[in-house]
Amino acid sequence: MHVVRGLWNLALLGAKTGFRLKGRYWSWRMETAFGADRSKWPSAAERRRAAIEYGAWVGAMRRMARDRG
């Protein structure tokens, strides 16, 4: 279920950014997550895993904000 929530929230975030994965937001997000030197980035599988974790975190933050308000 964690993976499904992560993927769902990534899809929502992608829709908000127009799925421009090479755009300013996603470029900034990748650089802050993994650094500017692409040669030092983790493997593609690790990046996918990190993206799913990020999506799940986004969902948790949205739920917390909704529950507080």
N, C-alpha and C. Protein backbone atom coordinates (compact mmCIF):
# COMPACT_ATOMS: atom_id res chain seq x y z
N MET A 1 0.82 -1.19 0.00
CA MET A 1 0.00 0.00 0.00
C MET A 1 0.87 1.26 0.00
N HIS A 2 2.01 1.17 0.67
CA HIS A 2 2.95 2.30 0.72
C HIS A 2 3.39 2.70 -0.68
N VAL A 3 3.69 1.70 -1.50
CA VAL A 3 4.14 1.96 -2.87
C VAL A 3 3.01 2.59 -3.69
N VAL A 4 1.80 2.09 -3.52
CA VAL A 4 0.66 2.64 -4.26
C VAL A 4 0.44 4.10 -3.88
N ARG A 5 0.49 4.39 -2.58
CA ARG A 5 0.33 5.78 -2.14
C ARG A 5 1.44 6.67 -2.70
N GLY A 6 2.66 6.15 -2.67
CA GLY A 6 3.78 6.93 -3.21
C GLY A 6 3.61 7.22 -4.69
N LEU A 7 3.22 6.20 -5.45
CA LEU A 7 3.03 6.40 -6.88
C LEU A 7 1.86 7.34 -7.17
N TRP A 8 0.79 7.21 -6.39
CA TRP A 8 -0.36 8.09 -6.57
C TRP A 8 0.04 9.55 -6.34
N ASN A 9 0.75 9.81 -5.27
CA ASN A 9 1.15 11.18 -4.97
C ASN A 9 2.16 11.71 -5.98
N LEU A 10 3.01 10.86 -6.50
CA LEU A 10 3.91 11.29 -7.58
C LEU A 10 3.11 11.65 -8.82
N ALA A 11 2.07 10.86 -9.11
CA ALA A 11 1.22 11.16 -10.27
C ALA A 11 0.52 12.51 -10.08
N LEU A 12 0.02 12.77 -8.87
CA LEU A 12 -0.62 14.06 -8.60
C LEU A 12 0.38 15.21 -8.76
N LEU A 13 1.57 15.02 -8.23
CA LEU A 13 2.60 16.05 -8.34
C LEU A 13 3.01 16.24 -9.80
N GLY A 14 3.11 15.13 -10.52
CA GLY A 14 3.42 15.21 -11.95
C GLY A 14 2.36 15.99 -12.71
N ALA A 15 1.09 15.75 -12.37
CA ALA A 15 0.00 16.47 -13.04
C ALA A 15 0.10 17.97 -12.74
N LYS A 16 0.43 18.31 -11.51
CA LYS A 16 0.54 19.74 -11.15
C LYS A 16 1.68 20.42 -11.89
N THR A 17 2.72 19.66 -12.22
CA THR A 17 3.87 20.24 -12.92
C THR A 17 3.79 20.00 -14.43
N GLY A 18 2.66 19.50 -14.89
CA GLY A 18 2.48 19.28 -16.31
C GLY A 18 3.35 18.16 -16.86
N PHE A 19 3.81 17.28 -15.99
CA PHE A 19 4.68 16.15 -16.37
C PHE A 19 5.93 16.61 -17.13
N ARG A 20 6.36 17.84 -16.86
CA ARG A 20 7.60 18.35 -17.46
C ARG A 20 8.77 17.89 -16.59
N LEU A 21 9.18 16.65 -16.78
CA LEU A 21 10.22 16.06 -15.93
C LEU A 21 11.59 16.69 -16.15
N LYS A 22 11.76 17.40 -17.23
CA LYS A 22 13.01 18.13 -17.47
C LYS A 22 12.85 19.61 -17.15
N GLY A 23 11.69 19.96 -16.59
CA GLY A 23 11.40 21.35 -16.27
C GLY A 23 12.13 21.82 -15.02
N ARG A 24 11.88 23.06 -14.65
CA ARG A 24 12.60 23.69 -13.54
C ARG A 24 12.36 22.98 -12.21
N TYR A 25 11.09 22.65 -11.91
CA TYR A 25 10.81 22.02 -10.62
C TYR A 25 11.52 20.69 -10.49
N TRP A 26 11.36 19.80 -11.48
CA TRP A 26 11.92 18.46 -11.35
C TRP A 26 13.45 18.49 -11.43
N SER A 27 14.01 19.41 -12.20
CA SER A 27 15.47 19.55 -12.23
C SER A 27 15.98 19.95 -10.85
N TRP A 28 15.30 20.93 -10.24
CA TRP A 28 15.68 21.37 -8.90
C TRP A 28 15.50 20.23 -7.90
N ARG A 29 14.41 19.49 -8.00
CA ARG A 29 14.12 18.40 -7.07
C ARG A 29 15.19 17.32 -7.15
N MET A 30 15.58 16.95 -8.35
CA MET A 30 16.61 15.92 -8.53
C MET A 30 17.96 16.40 -7.99
N GLU A 31 18.27 17.67 -8.23
CA GLU A 31 19.55 18.20 -7.75
C GLU A 31 19.59 18.27 -6.23
N THR A 32 18.49 18.66 -5.60
CA THR A 32 18.49 18.73 -4.14
C THR A 32 18.48 17.33 -3.53
N ALA A 33 17.89 16.38 -4.21
CA ALA A 33 17.84 15.02 -3.68
C ALA A 33 19.15 14.27 -3.88
N PHE A 34 19.80 14.45 -5.03
CA PHE A 34 20.95 13.62 -5.37
C PHE A 34 22.23 14.38 -5.64
N GLY A 35 22.17 15.70 -5.70
CA GLY A 35 23.36 16.50 -5.97
C GLY A 35 23.47 16.88 -7.43
N ALA A 36 24.38 17.79 -7.70
CA ALA A 36 24.53 18.32 -9.07
C ALA A 36 25.38 17.41 -9.96
N ASP A 37 26.25 16.61 -9.37
CA ASP A 37 27.14 15.74 -10.13
C ASP A 37 26.45 14.41 -10.41
N ARG A 38 25.95 14.26 -11.63
CA ARG A 38 25.21 13.05 -11.99
C ARG A 38 26.05 11.78 -11.88
N SER A 39 27.35 11.90 -11.99
CA SER A 39 28.20 10.70 -11.89
C SER A 39 28.18 10.11 -10.48
N LYS A 40 27.77 10.91 -9.50
CA LYS A 40 27.70 10.44 -8.12
C LYS A 40 26.30 10.02 -7.69
N TRP A 41 25.34 10.09 -8.61
CA TRP A 41 23.97 9.71 -8.29
C TRP A 41 23.88 8.21 -8.04
N PRO A 42 22.92 7.79 -7.24
CA PRO A 42 22.70 6.35 -7.04
C PRO A 42 22.16 5.71 -8.31
N SER A 43 22.05 4.40 -8.29
CA SER A 43 21.54 3.68 -9.46
C SER A 43 20.10 4.08 -9.76
N ALA A 44 19.64 3.74 -10.94
CA ALA A 44 18.27 4.06 -11.34
C ALA A 44 17.26 3.40 -10.40
N ALA A 45 17.54 2.19 -9.97
CA ALA A 45 16.63 1.50 -9.04
C ALA A 45 16.56 2.25 -7.71
N GLU A 46 17.68 2.71 -7.21
CA GLU A 46 17.69 3.49 -5.96
C GLU A 46 16.96 4.81 -6.12
N ARG A 47 17.11 5.44 -7.27
CA ARG A 47 16.40 6.70 -7.52
C ARG A 47 14.90 6.47 -7.58
N ARG A 48 14.47 5.37 -8.21
CA ARG A 48 13.03 5.05 -8.24
C ARG A 48 12.50 4.81 -6.83
N ARG A 49 13.26 4.06 -6.05
CA ARG A 49 12.86 3.79 -4.67
C ARG A 49 12.75 5.09 -3.88
N ALA A 50 13.71 5.98 -4.07
CA ALA A 50 13.69 7.27 -3.37
C ALA A 50 12.49 8.11 -3.83
N ALA A 51 12.16 8.06 -5.11
CA ALA A 51 11.03 8.82 -5.63
C ALA A 51 9.72 8.32 -5.02
N ILE A 52 9.59 7.01 -4.89
CA ILE A 52 8.38 6.45 -4.28
C ILE A 52 8.30 6.86 -2.82
N GLU A 53 9.42 6.84 -2.12
CA GLU A 53 9.44 7.28 -0.72
C GLU A 53 9.05 8.76 -0.62
N TYR A 54 9.55 9.56 -1.54
CA TYR A 54 9.20 10.98 -1.57
C TYR A 54 7.69 11.16 -1.79
N GLY A 55 7.13 10.41 -2.74
CA GLY A 55 5.70 10.47 -2.99
C GLY A 55 4.89 10.09 -1.76
N ALA A 56 5.33 9.04 -1.06
CA ALA A 56 4.63 8.63 0.16
C ALA A 56 4.74 9.72 1.22
N TRP A 57 5.89 10.36 1.32
CA TRP A 57 6.08 11.44 2.28
C TRP A 57 5.16 12.62 1.96
N VAL A 58 5.07 12.96 0.68
CA VAL A 58 4.17 14.04 0.26
C VAL A 58 2.74 13.72 0.69
N GLY A 59 2.33 12.48 0.48
CA GLY A 59 0.98 12.08 0.88
C GLY A 59 0.77 12.19 2.37
N ALA A 60 1.77 11.79 3.15
CA ALA A 60 1.67 11.89 4.61
C ALA A 60 1.56 13.34 5.04
N MET A 61 2.32 14.22 4.41
CA MET A 61 2.25 15.64 4.76
C MET A 61 0.89 16.22 4.40
N ARG A 62 0.33 15.82 3.26
CA ARG A 62 -1.00 16.29 2.87
C ARG A 62 -2.05 15.82 3.87
N ARG A 63 -1.96 14.55 4.29
CA ARG A 63 -2.91 14.03 5.28
C ARG A 63 -2.80 14.78 6.59
N MET A 64 -1.58 15.03 7.03
CA MET A 64 -1.40 15.77 8.29
C MET A 64 -1.98 17.17 8.18
N ALA A 65 -1.76 17.84 7.07
CA ALA A 65 -2.29 19.19 6.88
C ALA A 65 -3.82 19.16 6.85
N ARG A 66 -4.37 18.16 6.20
CA ARG A 66 -5.83 18.04 6.12
C ARG A 66 -6.42 17.76 7.50
N ASP A 67 -5.78 16.90 8.28
CA ASP A 67 -6.27 16.55 9.61
C ASP A 67 -6.18 17.70 10.59
N ARG A 68 -5.19 18.58 10.41
CA ARG A 68 -5.03 19.73 11.31
C ARG A 68 -6.06 20.82 11.05
N GLY A 69 -6.45 20.94 9.78
CA GLY A 69 -7.32 22.05 9.39
C GLY A 69 -8.73 21.68 9.44
